[in-house]
Amino acid sequence: MLESEQPCPCESGASYAECCQPYHLGKTKAPTAETLMRSRYAAYVMKAVDYLVETTLPAVRRTDLRQQYQETADSIQWVRLEVIRATQGSETDKTGKVEFKATYLQDGQRAVHHELSRFRRYQSAWCYLDGQVT
């Protein structure tokens, strides 16, 4: 378990307590699409499956979504996040895109997940819509 004063896994440079922890605990909502994407990456690192489900747009939640997130959390060790660019996704936008690379270890092998994620506001909160792996 990550201590609150340790650096946040999303690599923002802030401590976990000052960065993604309030989102994971439901104390506040991510203000931008990039912030949501970073908090979701940190949730993968922390195995916060409930947060991943809750921040997925309800219209695209499949019945096996929780299981899929849990299997990913159990089988992958996330190592590093690099945000390449964010398009729209500000506090006033309705949609946004974030391109990122996430380095991970799986079965002892190092790999990189490169994705262009799409986000949409739902009931005033940012939600993950889908992603295109590149």
Protein backbone atom coordinates (compact mmCIF):
# COMPACT_ATOMS: atom_id res chain seq x y z
CA MET A 1 0.00 0.00 0.00
CA LEU A 2 1.31 3.42 -0.94
CA GLU A 3 1.79 5.90 1.88
CA SER A 4 0.10 9.28 1.47
CA GLU A 5 3.37 11.23 1.54
CA GLN A 6 5.04 9.10 -1.14
CA PRO A 7 5.22 10.39 -4.73
CA CYS A 8 2.02 9.78 -6.68
CA PRO A 9 2.27 6.91 -9.19
CA CYS A 10 0.88 9.21 -11.91
CA GLU A 11 4.24 10.99 -11.92
CA SER A 12 2.78 14.47 -11.48
CA GLY A 13 5.56 15.30 -9.03
CA ALA A 14 3.12 15.73 -6.11
CA SER A 15 2.62 13.36 -3.20
CA TYR A 16 -0.12 10.76 -3.46
CA ALA A 17 -2.12 12.63 -0.77
CA GLU A 18 -1.93 15.88 -2.75
CA CYS A 19 -2.62 14.28 -6.11
CA CYS A 20 -4.68 11.15 -6.85
CA GLN A 21 -5.64 9.95 -3.37
CA PRO A 22 -8.57 12.41 -3.01
CA TYR A 23 -9.99 11.13 -6.32
CA HIS A 24 -9.55 7.49 -5.31
CA LEU A 25 -11.28 8.16 -1.98
CA GLY A 26 -14.19 9.93 -3.70
CA LYS A 27 -13.51 13.24 -1.95
CA THR A 28 -13.41 15.16 -5.22
CA LYS A 29 -13.64 14.62 -8.99
CA ALA A 30 -10.83 15.02 -11.50
CA PRO A 31 -11.14 18.52 -13.02
CA THR A 32 -9.68 17.65 -16.44
CA ALA A 33 -9.47 14.66 -18.77
CA GLU A 34 -5.71 14.46 -18.25
CA THR A 35 -6.13 14.47 -14.49
CA LEU A 36 -8.67 11.65 -14.78
CA MET A 37 -6.34 9.65 -17.02
CA ARG A 38 -3.46 10.12 -14.54
CA SER A 39 -5.71 9.12 -11.63
CA ARG A 40 -6.85 6.02 -13.51
CA TYR A 41 -3.22 5.04 -14.16
CA ALA A 42 -2.54 5.48 -10.43
CA ALA A 43 -5.63 3.36 -9.73
CA TYR A 44 -4.18 0.57 -11.86
CA VAL A 45 -0.95 0.81 -9.85
CA MET A 46 -2.92 0.78 -6.57
CA LYS A 47 -5.32 -1.95 -7.80
CA ALA A 48 -8.25 0.39 -7.11
CA VAL A 49 -10.67 -1.53 -9.33
CA ASP A 50 -13.80 0.19 -7.97
CA TYR A 51 -12.39 3.57 -9.04
CA LEU A 52 -11.66 2.26 -12.53
CA VAL A 53 -15.24 1.01 -12.89
CA GLU A 54 -16.76 4.20 -11.45
CA THR A 55 -14.76 6.42 -13.82
CA THR A 56 -15.74 4.46 -16.93
CA LEU A 57 -18.64 6.02 -18.80
CA PRO A 58 -21.77 4.08 -17.75
CA ALA A 59 -22.92 3.67 -21.38
CA VAL A 60 -19.81 1.58 -22.21
CA ARG A 61 -19.56 -0.51 -19.03
CA ARG A 62 -19.79 -4.18 -19.96
CA THR A 63 -21.00 -6.78 -17.48
CA ASP A 64 -17.46 -8.22 -17.22
CA LEU A 65 -15.75 -4.85 -16.82
CA ARG A 66 -14.90 -5.25 -13.11
CA GLN A 67 -13.46 -8.71 -13.78
CA GLN A 68 -11.41 -7.39 -16.69
CA TYR A 69 -9.98 -4.55 -14.59
CA GLN A 70 -9.22 -6.97 -11.74
CA GLU A 71 -7.42 -9.42 -14.05
CA THR A 72 -5.32 -6.59 -15.47
CA ALA A 73 -4.50 -5.29 -11.99
CA ASP A 74 -3.49 -8.77 -10.83
CA SER A 75 -1.31 -9.64 -13.83
CA ILE A 76 0.52 -6.38 -14.60
CA GLN A 77 3.02 -4.30 -12.65
CA TRP A 78 2.90 -0.72 -13.89
CA VAL A 79 6.30 0.96 -13.96
CA ARG A 80 6.10 4.39 -15.59
CA LEU A 81 3.64 6.83 -17.15
CA GLU A 82 4.46 9.31 -19.89
CA VAL A 83 1.73 11.71 -21.02
CA ILE A 84 2.42 12.68 -24.60
CA ARG A 85 -0.35 15.21 -25.19
CA ALA A 86 -3.84 16.21 -24.16
CA THR A 87 -6.40 17.69 -26.56
CA GLN A 88 -9.36 19.55 -25.11
CA GLY A 89 -10.47 18.01 -21.82
CA SER A 90 -10.28 21.24 -19.81
CA GLU A 91 -12.63 22.16 -17.00
CA THR A 92 -15.01 23.75 -19.54
CA ASP A 93 -14.88 21.11 -22.30
CA LYS A 94 -17.34 18.24 -22.78
CA THR A 95 -14.86 15.87 -24.43
CA GLY A 96 -11.13 15.32 -24.35
CA LYS A 97 -8.34 13.08 -25.58
CA VAL A 98 -5.11 12.09 -23.87
CA GLU A 99 -2.27 10.21 -25.54
CA PHE A 100 0.06 8.36 -23.20
CA LYS A 101 2.60 5.58 -22.89
CA ALA A 102 2.55 3.32 -19.84
CA THR A 103 5.47 0.98 -19.26
CA TYR A 104 4.70 -2.27 -17.45
CA LEU A 105 6.00 -5.70 -16.54
CA GLN A 106 4.00 -8.83 -17.25
CA ASP A 107 5.34 -12.35 -16.76
CA GLY A 108 8.82 -10.86 -16.36
CA GLN A 109 8.64 -9.08 -19.71
CA ARG A 110 8.84 -5.30 -20.06
CA ALA A 111 6.37 -3.72 -22.51
CA VAL A 112 4.74 -0.38 -23.34
CA HIS A 113 1.03 0.31 -23.67
CA HIS A 114 0.61 3.29 -26.04
CA GLU A 115 -2.96 4.60 -26.15
CA LEU A 116 -5.02 7.55 -27.31
CA SER A 117 -7.84 7.68 -24.76
CA ARG A 118 -11.14 9.48 -25.21
CA PHE A 119 -13.01 11.02 -22.30
CA ARG A 120 -16.48 12.50 -21.96
CA ARG A 121 -18.29 14.39 -19.24
CA TYR A 122 -21.16 12.56 -17.59
CA GLN A 123 -23.23 14.30 -14.92
CA SER A 124 -20.47 16.95 -14.64
CA ALA A 125 -17.69 14.40 -14.04
CA TRP A 126 -15.04 13.21 -16.48
CA CYS A 127 -15.34 9.56 -17.52
CA TYR A 128 -13.23 7.25 -19.65
CA LEU A 129 -15.01 6.49 -22.93
CA ASP A 130 -12.56 4.31 -24.84
CA GLY A 131 -9.05 4.10 -26.14
CA GLN A 132 -7.22 3.30 -29.34
CA VAL A 133 -4.02 1.35 -28.84
CA THR A 134 -1.28 2.51 -31.19
